[in-house]
C-alpha atoms as a PDB file:
ATOM      1  CA  MET A   1     -67.705 -84.156   0.486  1.00  0.00           C
ATOM      2  CA  LYS A   2     -69.701 -83.494  -2.444  1.00  0.00           C
ATOM      3  CA  LYS A   3     -68.355 -85.253  -6.224  1.00  0.00           C
ATOM      4  CA  LEU A   4     -67.722 -83.583  -8.963  1.00  0.00           C
ATOM      5  CA  TYR A   5     -69.217 -85.176 -11.954  1.00  0.00           C
ATOM      6  CA  TYR A   6     -69.162 -84.199 -15.700  1.00  0.00           C
ATOM      7  CA  PHE A   7     -70.434 -85.530 -19.168  1.00  0.00           C
ATOM      8  CA  SER A   8     -68.207 -87.127 -21.598  1.00  0.00           C
ATOM      9  CA  LYS A   9     -69.921 -87.124 -24.809  1.00  0.00           C
ATOM     10  CA  SER A  10     -67.548 -89.684 -26.268  1.00  0.00           C
ATOM     11  CA  LYS A  11     -68.340 -92.376 -23.402  1.00  0.00           C
ATOM     12  CA  LEU A  12     -71.956 -90.979 -23.306  1.00  0.00           C
ATOM     13  CA  GLN A  13     -71.394 -90.909 -19.213  1.00  0.00           C
ATOM     14  CA  PHE A  14     -71.237 -89.020 -16.213  1.00  0.00           C
ATOM     15  CA  ILE A  15     -67.350 -89.023 -14.970  1.00  0.00           C
ATOM     16  CA  GLU A  16     -66.366 -88.627 -11.496  1.00  0.00           C
ATOM     17  CA  ILE A  17     -63.979 -85.371 -11.305  1.00  0.00           C
ATOM     18  CA  ARG A  18     -61.044 -86.693  -8.975  1.00  0.00           C
ATOM     19  CA  ASN A  19     -58.508 -84.251  -7.706  1.00  0.00           C
ATOM     20  CA  TYR A  20     -60.439 -81.379  -8.319  1.00  0.00           C
ATOM     21  CA  LYS A  21     -59.146 -78.670  -5.686  1.00  0.00           C
ATOM     22  CA  ALA A  22     -55.614 -79.162  -6.811  1.00  0.00           C
ATOM     23  CA  LYS A  23     -56.132 -78.964 -10.203  1.00  0.00           C
ATOM     24  CA  LEU A  24     -58.455 -76.176  -9.718  1.00  0.00           C
ATOM     25  CA  ALA A  25     -55.246 -74.425  -7.323  1.00  0.00           C
ATOM     26  CA  LEU A  26     -52.958 -74.994 -10.202  1.00  0.00           C
ATOM     27  CA  TYR A  27     -54.827 -73.183 -13.013  1.00  0.00           C
ATOM     28  CA  PHE A  28     -55.669 -70.027 -10.445  1.00  0.00           C
ATOM     29  CA  SER A  29     -52.327 -69.767  -9.671  1.00  0.00           C
ATOM     30  CA  GLY A  30     -51.611 -69.754 -13.421  1.00  0.00           C
ATOM     31  CA  SER A  31     -53.763 -67.733 -13.926  1.00  0.00           C
ATOM     32  CA  VAL A  32     -52.901 -65.670 -11.366  1.00  0.00           C
ATOM     33  CA  LEU A  33     -49.023 -65.551 -12.597  1.00  0.00           C
ATOM     34  CA  LEU A  34     -49.835 -64.979 -16.134  1.00  0.00           C
ATOM     35  CA  ILE A  35     -51.427 -62.456 -15.053  1.00  0.00           C
ATOM     36  CA  SER A  36     -49.023 -60.613 -13.309  1.00  0.00           C
ATOM     37  CA  LEU A  37     -46.186 -60.960 -15.660  1.00  0.00           C
ATOM     38  CA  MET A  38     -48.930 -59.682 -18.522  1.00  0.00           C
ATOM     39  CA  ILE A  39     -48.853 -56.332 -16.053  1.00  0.00           C
ATOM     40  CA  PHE A  40     -45.760 -55.875 -14.691  1.00  0.00           C
ATOM     41  CA  GLY A  41     -44.077 -56.219 -18.464  1.00  0.00           C
ATOM     42  CA  GLY A  42     -46.570 -53.696 -19.994  1.00  0.00           C
ATOM     43  CA  TYR A  43     -45.532 -51.932 -17.342  1.00  0.00           C
ATOM     44  CA  TYR A  44     -41.573 -52.419 -17.870  1.00  0.00           C
ATOM     45  CA  LEU A  45     -42.593 -51.512 -21.760  1.00  0.00           C
ATOM     46  CA  ALA A  46     -43.870 -48.177 -20.642  1.00  0.00           C
ATOM     47  CA  ASP A  47     -41.609 -46.948 -18.628  1.00  0.00           C
ATOM     48  CA  SER A  48     -39.002 -47.820 -21.160  1.00  0.00           C
ATOM     49  CA  VAL A  49     -40.473 -46.496 -23.538  1.00  0.00           C
ATOM     50  CA  PHE A  50     -41.026 -43.280 -21.363  1.00  0.00           C
ATOM     51  CA  ASN A  51     -37.231 -43.348 -20.305  1.00  0.00           C
ATOM     52  CA  SER A  52     -36.386 -43.342 -24.132  1.00  0.00           C
ATOM     53  CA  ARG A  53     -37.728 -40.392 -25.126  1.00  0.00           C
ATOM     54  CA  ASN A  54     -36.435 -38.490 -22.129  1.00  0.00           C
ATOM     55  CA  ASN A  55     -33.092 -40.132 -23.111  1.00  0.00           C
ATOM     56  CA  ILE A  56     -33.140 -38.685 -26.587  1.00  0.00           C
ATOM     57  CA  GLY A  57     -34.278 -35.522 -25.514  1.00  0.00           C
ATOM     58  CA  SER A  58     -31.478 -35.383 -23.067  1.00  0.00           C
ATOM     59  CA  LEU A  59     -29.763 -36.676 -25.857  1.00  0.00           C
ATOM     60  CA  ARG A  60     -30.917 -33.781 -28.015  1.00  0.00           C
ATOM     61  CA  ASN A  61     -30.533 -30.958 -25.705  1.00  0.00           C
ATOM     62  CA  GLU A  62     -26.445 -31.949 -25.410  1.00  0.00           C
ATOM     63  CA  ASN A  63     -25.785 -32.353 -29.057  1.00  0.00           C
ATOM     64  CA  LYS A  64     -26.890 -28.637 -29.198  1.00  0.00           C
ATOM     65  CA  ALA A  65     -24.736 -28.112 -26.316  1.00  0.00           C
ATOM     66  CA  LEU A  66     -21.636 -29.376 -28.007  1.00  0.00           C
ATOM     67  CA  LYS A  67     -22.302 -27.797 -31.097  1.00  0.00           C
ATOM     68  CA  GLU A  68     -22.721 -23.998 -29.779  1.00  0.00           C
ATOM     69  CA  ASN A  69     -19.090 -24.944 -27.907  1.00  0.00           C
ATOM     70  CA  LEU A  70     -17.704 -26.257 -30.653  1.00  0.00           C
ATOM     71  CA  ASP A  71     -18.541 -23.404 -32.977  1.00  0.00           C
ATOM     72  CA  ASN A  72     -17.085 -20.835 -30.292  1.00  0.00           C
ATOM     73  CA  LEU A  73     -13.868 -23.307 -29.837  1.00  0.00           C
ATOM     74  CA  MET A  74     -13.881 -22.926 -33.658  1.00  0.00           C
ATOM     75  CA  LEU A  75     -14.100 -19.123 -33.732  1.00  0.00           C
ATOM     76  CA  GLN A  76     -12.121 -18.749 -30.719  1.00  0.00           C
ATOM     77  CA  PHE A  77      -9.131 -20.982 -32.656  1.00  0.00           C
ATOM     78  CA  LYS A  78      -9.989 -18.847 -35.789  1.00  0.00           C
ATOM     79  CA  VAL A  79      -8.980 -15.223 -33.897  1.00  0.00           C
ATOM     80  CA  LEU A  80      -5.655 -16.769 -32.415  1.00  0.00           C
ATOM     81  CA  ASN A  81      -4.538 -18.164 -36.177  1.00  0.00           C
ATOM     82  CA  VAL A  82      -4.875 -14.527 -37.127  1.00  0.00           C
ATOM     83  CA  GLU A  83      -3.165 -13.470 -34.139  1.00  0.00           C
ATOM     84  CA  LEU A  84      -0.249 -15.588 -34.892  1.00  0.00           C
ATOM     85  CA  ASP A  85      -0.405 -14.621 -38.494  1.00  0.00           C
ATOM     86  CA  SER A  86       0.400 -11.223 -37.304  1.00  0.00           C
ATOM     87  CA  LEU A  87       3.117 -12.599 -35.143  1.00  0.00           C
ATOM     88  CA  ASN A  88       4.705 -13.890 -37.916  1.00  0.00           C
ATOM     89  CA  LYS A  89       5.347 -10.944 -39.315  1.00  0.00           C
ATOM     90  CA  VAL A  90       6.303  -8.933 -36.179  1.00  0.00           C
ATOM     91  CA  ASN A  91       9.013 -11.764 -36.014  1.00  0.00           C
ATOM     92  CA  ASN A  92      10.693 -11.241 -39.445  1.00  0.00           C
ATOM     93  CA  ASP A  93      10.482  -7.837 -38.453  1.00  0.00           C
ATOM     94  CA  LEU A  94      12.454  -8.911 -35.516  1.00  0.00           C
ATOM     95  CA  ARG A  95      14.811 -10.564 -37.565  1.00  0.00           C
ATOM     96  CA  LEU A  96      15.943  -8.153 -39.640  1.00  0.00           C
ATOM     97  CA  ALA A  97      16.448  -5.771 -36.001  1.00  0.00           C
ATOM     98  CA  VAL A  98      18.824  -8.210 -35.049  1.00  0.00           C
ATOM     99  CA  ASN A  99      20.389  -8.964 -38.614  1.00  0.00           C
ATOM    100  CA  LEU A 100      18.996 -12.325 -39.147  1.00  0.00           C
ATOM    101  CA  GLN A 101      17.583 -13.552 -42.279  1.00  0.00           C
ATOM    102  CA  PRO A 102      14.368 -13.249 -42.328  1.00  0.00           C
ATOM    103  CA  ILE A 103      12.370 -16.672 -43.266  1.00  0.00           C
ATOM    104  CA  SER A 104      10.677 -17.051 -46.224  1.00  0.00           C
ATOM    105  CA  ASN A 105       7.900 -18.390 -47.686  1.00  0.00           C
ATOM    106  CA  ASP A 106       8.969 -21.835 -48.223  1.00  0.00           C
ATOM    107  CA  GLU A 107      11.014 -22.238 -44.972  1.00  0.00           C
ATOM    108  CA  ASN A 108       7.752 -20.815 -43.191  1.00  0.00           C
ATOM    109  CA  MET A 109       5.359 -23.633 -44.647  1.00  0.00           C
ATOM    110  CA  VAL A 110       7.645 -26.554 -43.849  1.00  0.00           C
ATOM    111  CA  GLY A 111       8.068 -24.845 -40.518  1.00  0.00           C
ATOM    112  CA  ILE A 112       3.865 -24.773 -39.441  1.00  0.00           C
ATOM    113  CA  GLY A 113       3.170 -27.486 -41.805  1.00  0.00           C
ATOM    114  CA  GLY A 114      -0.518 -28.339 -42.687  1.00  0.00           C
ATOM    115  CA  GLY A 115      -2.922 -30.390 -43.957  1.00  0.00           C
ATOM    116  CA  SER A 116      -0.509 -33.244 -42.367  1.00  0.00           C
ATOM    117  CA  PHE A 117      -3.524 -34.137 -39.413  1.00  0.00           C
ATOM    118  CA  ASN A 118      -5.126 -37.811 -39.504  1.00  0.00           C
ATOM    119  CA  ASN A 119      -8.005 -37.122 -37.922  1.00  0.00           C
ATOM    120  CA  GLU A 120     -10.179 -40.782 -37.495  1.00  0.00           C
ATOM    121  CA  LEU A 121     -13.525 -38.773 -37.888  1.00  0.00           C
ATOM    122  CA  ASP A 122     -13.625 -37.964 -41.364  1.00  0.00           C
ATOM    123  CA  PHE A 123     -15.491 -40.231 -42.165  1.00  0.00           C
ATOM    124  CA  LEU A 124     -17.933 -39.459 -40.004  1.00  0.00           C
ATOM    125  CA  SER A 125     -20.966 -37.965 -41.409  1.00  0.00           C
ATOM    126  CA  ASN A 126     -23.105 -36.358 -38.410  1.00  0.00           C
ATOM    127  CA  PRO A 127     -22.161 -32.613 -38.549  1.00  0.00           C
ATOM    128  CA  THR A 128     -21.578 -32.329 -34.658  1.00  0.00           C
ATOM    129  CA  GLU A 129     -18.083 -35.195 -35.268  1.00  0.00           C
ATOM    130  CA  LYS A 130     -17.454 -32.704 -38.621  1.00  0.00           C
ATOM    131  CA  LYS A 131     -16.897 -29.681 -37.017  1.00  0.00           C
ATOM    132  CA  LEU A 132     -14.918 -32.115 -34.031  1.00  0.00           C
ATOM    133  CA  SER A 133     -12.889 -32.979 -37.055  1.00  0.00           C
ATOM    134  CA  GLN A 134     -12.196 -29.569 -37.552  1.00  0.00           C
ATOM    135  CA  VAL A 135     -12.069 -28.361 -33.754  1.00  0.00           C
ATOM    136  CA  LEU A 136      -8.870 -30.797 -33.521  1.00  0.00           C
ATOM    137  CA  SER A 137      -7.739 -29.696 -37.247  1.00  0.00           C
ATOM    138  CA  PHE A 138      -7.250 -26.523 -35.832  1.00  0.00           C
ATOM    139  CA  VAL A 139      -5.850 -27.610 -32.600  1.00  0.00           C
ATOM    140  CA  ASP A 140      -2.639 -28.976 -34.564  1.00  0.00           C
ATOM    141  CA  ASP A 141      -2.272 -26.142 -37.037  1.00  0.00           C
ATOM    142  CA  ILE A 142      -1.583 -24.250 -33.858  1.00  0.00           C
ATOM    143  CA  SER A 143      -0.018 -25.916 -31.711  1.00  0.00           C
ATOM    144  CA  ARG A 144       3.047 -25.922 -35.206  1.00  0.00           C
ATOM    145  CA  LYS A 145       2.674 -22.802 -35.275  1.00  0.00           C
ATOM    146  CA  VAL A 146       3.528 -21.658 -31.574  1.00  0.00           C
ATOM    147  CA  ALA A 147       6.074 -24.451 -31.729  1.00  0.00           C
ATOM    148  CA  PHE A 148       7.575 -22.757 -34.835  1.00  0.00           C
ATOM    149  CA  GLU A 149       7.366 -19.223 -33.712  1.00  0.00           C
ATOM    150  CA  LYS A 150       9.652 -19.359 -30.463  1.00  0.00           C
ATOM    151  CA  ALA A 151      11.472 -21.310 -32.150  1.00  0.00           C
ATOM    152  CA  GLN A 152      12.232 -18.478 -33.949  1.00  0.00           C
ATOM    153  CA  TYR A 153      11.901 -16.179 -31.042  1.00  0.00           C
ATOM    154  CA  LEU A 154      14.517 -18.635 -29.554  1.00  0.00           C
ATOM    155  CA  ASP A 155      16.938 -17.821 -32.472  1.00  0.00           C
ATOM    156  CA  ILE A 156      16.343 -13.640 -31.991  1.00  0.00           C
ATOM    157  CA  SER A 157      16.956 -13.683 -28.405  1.00  0.00           C
ATOM    158  CA  GLN A 158      20.026 -15.890 -28.581  1.00  0.00           C
ATOM    159  CA  LYS A 159      20.998 -12.869 -31.530  1.00  0.00           C
ATOM    160  CA  LEU A 160      20.594 -10.617 -29.484  1.00  0.00           C
ATOM    161  CA  LYS A 161      22.322 -11.170 -26.672  1.00  0.00           C
ATOM    162  CA  GLU A 162      25.161 -11.940 -29.176  1.00  0.00           C
ATOM    163  CA  ASN A 163      24.885  -8.492 -30.582  1.00  0.00           C
ATOM    164  CA  GLN A 164      24.630  -6.971 -27.198  1.00  0.00           C
ATOM    165  CA  LYS A 165      28.167  -8.492 -26.448  1.00  0.00           C
ATOM    166  CA  LEU A 166      29.065  -7.624 -29.695  1.00  0.00           C
ATOM    167  CA  TYR A 167      28.204  -3.570 -29.593  1.00  0.00           C
ATOM    168  CA  ALA A 168      30.237  -3.546 -26.378  1.00  0.00           C
ATOM    169  CA  ALA A 169      33.062  -5.202 -27.593  1.00  0.00           C
ATOM    170  CA  ILE A 170      33.213  -2.998 -30.839  1.00  0.00           C
ATOM    171  CA  PRO A 171      35.970  -0.075 -30.494  1.00  0.00           C
ATOM    172  CA  ALA A 172      33.513   2.435 -31.054  1.00  0.00           C
ATOM    173  CA  ILE A 173      35.508   5.533 -28.814  1.00  0.00           C
ATOM    174  CA  LYS A 174      38.848   7.500 -29.078  1.00  0.00           C
ATOM    175  CA  PRO A 175      41.391   6.129 -27.050  1.00  0.00           C
ATOM    176  CA  CYS A 176      42.701   9.119 -25.857  1.00  0.00           C
ATOM    177  CA  ASN A 177      42.581  12.732 -25.552  1.00  0.00           C
ATOM    178  CA  GLY A 178      44.090  14.732 -28.337  1.00  0.00           C
ATOM    179  CA  GLU A 179      43.910  15.685 -32.153  1.00  0.00           C
ATOM    180  CA  ILE A 180      44.769  13.064 -34.797  1.00  0.00           C
ATOM    181  CA  SER A 181      48.105  14.223 -36.422  1.00  0.00           C
ATOM    182  CA  ASP A 182      48.680  11.049 -39.116  1.00  0.00           C
ATOM    183  CA  GLY A 183      45.459   9.716 -40.341  1.00  0.00           C
ATOM    184  CA  PHE A 184      45.326   6.108 -41.678  1.00  0.00           C
ATOM    185  CA  GLY A 185      46.557   5.305 -45.508  1.00  0.00           C
ATOM    186  CA  MET A 186      49.940   5.433 -47.612  1.00  0.00           C
ATOM    187  CA  ARG A 187      52.583   8.419 -46.494  1.00  0.00           C
ATOM    188  CA  MET A 188      55.317   9.185 -46.070  1.00  0.00           C
ATOM    189  CA  HIS A 189      57.216   7.805 -43.423  1.00  0.00           C
ATOM    190  CA  PRO A 190      58.425  10.603 -40.985  1.00  0.00           C
ATOM    191  CA  ILE A 191      61.554   8.644 -40.357  1.00  0.00           C
ATOM    192  CA  LEU A 192      62.345   6.937 -42.411  1.00  0.00           C
ATOM    193  CA  HIS A 193      61.085   8.775 -45.791  1.00  0.00           C
ATOM    194  CA  ILE A 194      59.588   6.078 -47.341  1.00  0.00           C
ATOM    195  CA  ARG A 195      55.910   5.703 -49.115  1.00  0.00           C
ATOM    196  CA  ARG A 196      54.438   2.596 -46.488  1.00  0.00           C
ATOM    197  CA  MET A 197      51.119   2.115 -45.362  1.00  0.00           C
ATOM    198  CA  HIS A 198      49.828   3.882 -41.980  1.00  0.00           C
ATOM    199  CA  GLU A 199      47.928   1.138 -40.475  1.00  0.00           C
ATOM    200  CA  GLY A 200      46.508   3.369 -37.712  1.00  0.00           C
ATOM    201  CA  VAL A 201      45.984   6.734 -36.467  1.00  0.00           C
ATOM    202  CA  ASP A 202      48.380   9.042 -34.507  1.00  0.00           C
ATOM    203  CA  PHE A 203      46.888  11.147 -31.553  1.00  0.00           C
ATOM    204  CA  VAL A 204      49.305  13.930 -29.935  1.00  0.00           C
ATOM    205  CA  THR A 205      49.704  14.233 -26.540  1.00  0.00           C
ATOM    206  CA  ASP A 206      51.615  14.862 -23.597  1.00  0.00           C
ATOM    207  CA  VAL A 207      53.885  11.847 -22.133  1.00  0.00           C
ATOM    208  CA  GLY A 208      51.772  10.291 -19.207  1.00  0.00           C
ATOM    209  CA  THR A 209      48.443  11.256 -20.782  1.00  0.00           C
ATOM    210  CA  ALA A 210      45.387   8.554 -20.063  1.00  0.00           C
ATOM    211  CA  VAL A 211      44.701   5.636 -22.566  1.00  0.00           C
ATOM    212  CA  TYR A 212      41.277   3.778 -22.177  1.00  0.00           C
ATOM    213  CA  ALA A 213      39.925   0.453 -23.875  1.00  0.00           C
ATOM    214  CA  THR A 214      37.563   1.224 -27.005  1.00  0.00           C
ATOM    215  CA  GLY A 215      35.905  -1.869 -26.488  1.00  0.00           C
ATOM    216  CA  ASN A 216      34.923  -4.591 -24.038  1.00  0.00           C
ATOM    217  CA  GLY A 217      37.825  -7.309 -24.274  1.00  0.00           C
ATOM    218  CA  VAL A 218      41.179  -9.636 -22.883  1.00  0.00           C
ATOM    219  CA  VAL A 219      43.972  -7.746 -23.034  1.00  0.00           C
ATOM    220  CA  ASP A 220      46.171  -9.745 -25.328  1.00  0.00           C
ATOM    221  CA  PHE A 221      49.634  -8.689 -25.231  1.00  0.00           C
ATOM    222  CA  VAL A 222      51.837  -6.208 -23.298  1.00  0.00           C
ATOM    223  CA  GLY A 223      55.687  -5.341 -23.472  1.00  0.00           C
ATOM    224  CA  GLN A 224      57.766  -3.922 -26.383  1.00  0.00           C
ATOM    225  CA  ARG A 225      57.601  -5.046 -30.064  1.00  0.00           C
ATOM    226  CA  GLY A 226      59.779  -3.292 -32.651  1.00  0.00           C
ATOM    227  CA  GLY A 227      59.302   0.293 -34.382  1.00  0.00           C
ATOM    228  CA  TYR A 228      55.829   0.279 -31.872  1.00  0.00           C
ATOM    229  CA  GLY A 229      57.913   0.599 -28.740  1.00  0.00           C
ATOM    230  CA  LEU A 230      55.767  -0.801 -25.826  1.00  0.00           C
ATOM    231  CA  ALA A 231      52.407  -1.777 -26.796  1.00  0.00           C
ATOM    232  CA  VAL A 232      49.107  -3.070 -25.743  1.00  0.00           C
ATOM    233  CA  GLU A 233      47.093  -5.322 -27.957  1.00  0.00           C
ATOM    234  CA  ILE A 234      43.210  -6.095 -26.855  1.00  0.00           C
ATOM    235  CA  ASP A 235      41.227  -8.656 -28.352  1.00  0.00           C
ATOM    236  CA  HIS A 236      37.280  -7.765 -28.628  1.00  0.00           C
ATOM    237  CA  GLY A 237      36.133 -10.773 -29.714  1.00  0.00           C
ATOM    238  CA  PHE A 238      33.835 -11.049 -33.607  1.00  0.00           C
ATOM    239  CA  GLY A 239      37.668 -10.575 -35.448  1.00  0.00           C
ATOM    240  CA  TYR A 240      38.339  -7.171 -33.806  1.00  0.00           C
ATOM    241  CA  ARG A 241      42.236  -6.254 -32.162  1.00  0.00           C
ATOM    242  CA  THR A 242      43.069  -2.950 -30.646  1.00  0.00           C
ATOM    243  CA  VAL A 243      46.763  -1.651 -30.672  1.00  0.00           C
ATOM    244  CA  TYR A 244      48.038   1.185 -28.739  1.00  0.00           C
ATOM    245  CA  ALA A 245      51.594   1.900 -29.325  1.00  0.00           C
ATOM    246  CA  HIS A 246      54.653   4.076 -27.981  1.00  0.00           C
ATOM    247  CA  LEU A 247      53.296   3.903 -24.204  1.00  0.00           C
ATOM    248  CA  SER A 248      54.975   5.296 -21.513  1.00  0.00           C
ATOM    249  CA  GLN A 249      53.673   2.454 -18.990  1.00  0.00           C
ATOM    250  CA  ALA A 250      50.845  -0.425 -19.056  1.00  0.00           C
ATOM    251  CA  LEU A 251      48.615  -0.201 -16.475  1.00  0.00           C
ATOM    252  CA  VAL A 252      47.095  -3.757 -17.310  1.00  0.00           C
ATOM    253  CA  LYS A 253      48.181  -7.265 -17.562  1.00  0.00           C
ATOM    254  CA  GLU A 254      48.082 -10.235 -20.311  1.00  0.00           C
ATOM    255  CA  GLY A 255      44.779 -11.807 -19.908  1.00  0.00           C
ATOM    256  CA  GLN A 256      43.321  -9.445 -18.139  1.00  0.00           C
ATOM    257  CA  LYS A 257      39.431  -8.311 -19.649  1.00  0.00           C
ATOM    258  CA  VAL A 258      38.892  -5.325 -19.552  1.00  0.00           C
ATOM    259  CA  THR A 259      35.598  -2.796 -20.563  1.00  0.00           C
ATOM    260  CA  ARG A 260      35.559  -0.016 -22.647  1.00  0.00           C
ATOM    261  CA  GLY A 261      36.372   3.814 -21.442  1.00  0.00           C
ATOM    262  CA  GLN A 262      38.618   1.589 -18.366  1.00  0.00           C
ATOM    263  CA  GLU A 263      42.113   2.997 -18.363  1.00  0.00           C
ATOM    264  CA  ILE A 264      45.071   0.419 -20.076  1.00  0.00           C
ATOM    265  CA  ALA A 265      48.133   3.031 -20.195  1.00  0.00           C
ATOM    266  CA  GLU A 266      49.895   5.771 -20.578  1.00  0.00           C
ATOM    267  CA  THR A 267      51.414   7.673 -23.759  1.00  0.00           C
ATOM    268  CA  GLY A 268      54.979   8.168 -24.410  1.00  0.00           C
ATOM    269  CA  ASN A 269      57.436   8.544 -26.671  1.00  0.00           C
ATOM    270  CA  THR A 270      58.687   4.524 -27.209  1.00  0.00           C
ATOM    271  CA  GLY A 271      59.682   2.465 -30.228  1.00  0.00           C
ATOM    272  CA  LEU A 272      60.146   4.622 -33.261  1.00  0.00           C
ATOM    273  CA  SER A 273      58.645   7.735 -32.607  1.00  0.00           C
ATOM    274  CA  THR A 274      59.313  11.750 -33.587  1.00  0.00           C
ATOM    275  CA  GLY A 275      57.447  12.824 -30.535  1.00  0.00           C
ATOM    276  CA  PRO A 276      55.148  11.695 -27.444  1.00  0.00           C
ATOM    277  CA  HIS A 277      51.688  10.157 -29.104  1.00  0.00           C
ATOM    278  CA  LEU A 278      49.691   7.587 -29.391  1.00  0.00           C
ATOM    279  CA  HIS A 279      49.436   5.331 -32.230  1.00  0.00           C
ATOM    280  CA  TYR A 280      46.124   3.472 -32.655  1.00  0.00           C
ATOM    281  CA  GLU A 281      45.147   0.476 -34.967  1.00  0.00           C
ATOM    282  CA  VAL A 282      41.797  -1.190 -35.540  1.00  0.00           C
ATOM    283  CA  ARG A 283      41.552  -4.765 -36.773  1.00  0.00           C
ATOM    284  CA  HIS A 284      39.156  -7.368 -38.123  1.00  0.00           C
ATOM    285  CA  ASP A 285      40.193 -11.072 -39.234  1.00  0.00           C
ATOM    286  CA  GLY A 286      43.689  -9.064 -39.469  1.00  0.00           C
ATOM    287  CA  VAL A 287      43.207  -6.426 -41.709  1.00  0.00           C
ATOM    288  CA  ALA A 288      43.732  -3.201 -40.665  1.00  0.00           C
ATOM    289  CA  ILE A 289      40.295  -0.632 -40.485  1.00  0.00           C
ATOM    290  CA  ASN A 290      40.244   3.200 -40.228  1.00  0.00           C
ATOM    291  CA  PRO A 291      39.797   3.940 -36.587  1.00  0.00           C
ATOM    292  CA  GLU A 292      38.160   7.247 -37.440  1.00  0.00           C
ATOM    293  CA  ASP A 293      35.134   5.059 -38.858  1.00  0.00           C
ATOM    294  CA  PHE A 294      34.638   3.799 -35.371  1.00  0.00           C
ATOM    295  CA  PHE A 295      34.103   6.989 -33.383  1.00  0.00           C
ATOM    296  CA  PHE A 296      30.797   7.701 -32.863  1.00  0.00           C
ATOM    297  CA  GLY A 297      30.113  11.248 -34.151  1.00  0.00           C
ATOM    298  CA  ASN A 298      33.603  11.932 -33.512  1.00  0.00           C
ATOM    299  CA  LEU A 299      33.143  11.677 -29.761  1.00  0.00           C
ATOM    300  CA  GLY A 300      35.611  10.348 -27.595  1.00  0.00           C
ATOM    301  CA  PHE A 301      35.101   8.653 -24.212  1.00  0.00           C
ATOM    302  CA  PHE A 302      35.719  12.095 -22.623  1.00  0.00           C
ATOM    303  CA  GLU A 303      33.213  13.926 -24.558  1.00  0.00           C
ATOM    304  CA  LEU A 304      30.819  10.868 -24.464  1.00  0.00           C
ATOM    305  CA  THR A 305      30.772  10.748 -20.304  1.00  0.00           C
ATOM    306  CA  SER A 306      31.520  14.930 -20.041  1.00  0.00           C
ATOM    307  CA  LYS A 307      27.568  15.081 -21.397  1.00  0.00           C
ATOM    308  CA  ASN A 308      26.135  12.124 -18.838  1.00  0.00           C
END
């Protein structure tokens, strides 16, 4: 095997290179590894830069689409907000229609609130984040408005149901067929011959004429009651009561539910009476009221049903 030498300037002589093959292999391997690292490192660096540009472009497109969606969403919420404001006015009109007090401006502000949304995105300066903050705030405001209007409609619905019961209970028709002989108010009593309050009206009728309940209610009393003779009293609820006196017979019992137009008795001449007639009273919270004020267009049960 040939020997390899190199000239040493410091020693001024040729020196043999020992194990030069192993050293040559080591140098060659190191060079290959270094070149490989440079090649692959450059590739990854270039790929990273290229992908980064692609990602930035993709994010820009997504950001643009997000802005457009947020703009559309904000527009829809603004339209919904206007509709809710219109609904609030209708709501107040309905409250008046069912005899409820309208909601005042102060109550309205307390009910729907506003400006109380604590948005953690407010500190960000990115326009997209600001738009998202606005949308979230709008969602919060509209949610409160919807809850408030829902509560108002619940009140209106309950009041409407109560009114329906009230309208069915109010004594609103004539209790029997016949002409009124004595009206409501002060008069000279036909038997006692003294001036005293006549707390009802008298209908001149034949004995046995059908007497009808003038509103829905519950029979509270059936029996003899002094100068009233045989009488029936109905509790209509809502403070209303009616009295039917001088009857020949009662067709209902105490505790029985009755409806407007249901036959409850027959006229007679019992008690302190100068002749066959029906004495009829309407009371509200214990106070006697002129029954004629409750007759619908001066029509009774008979006239109303004959037109159906």
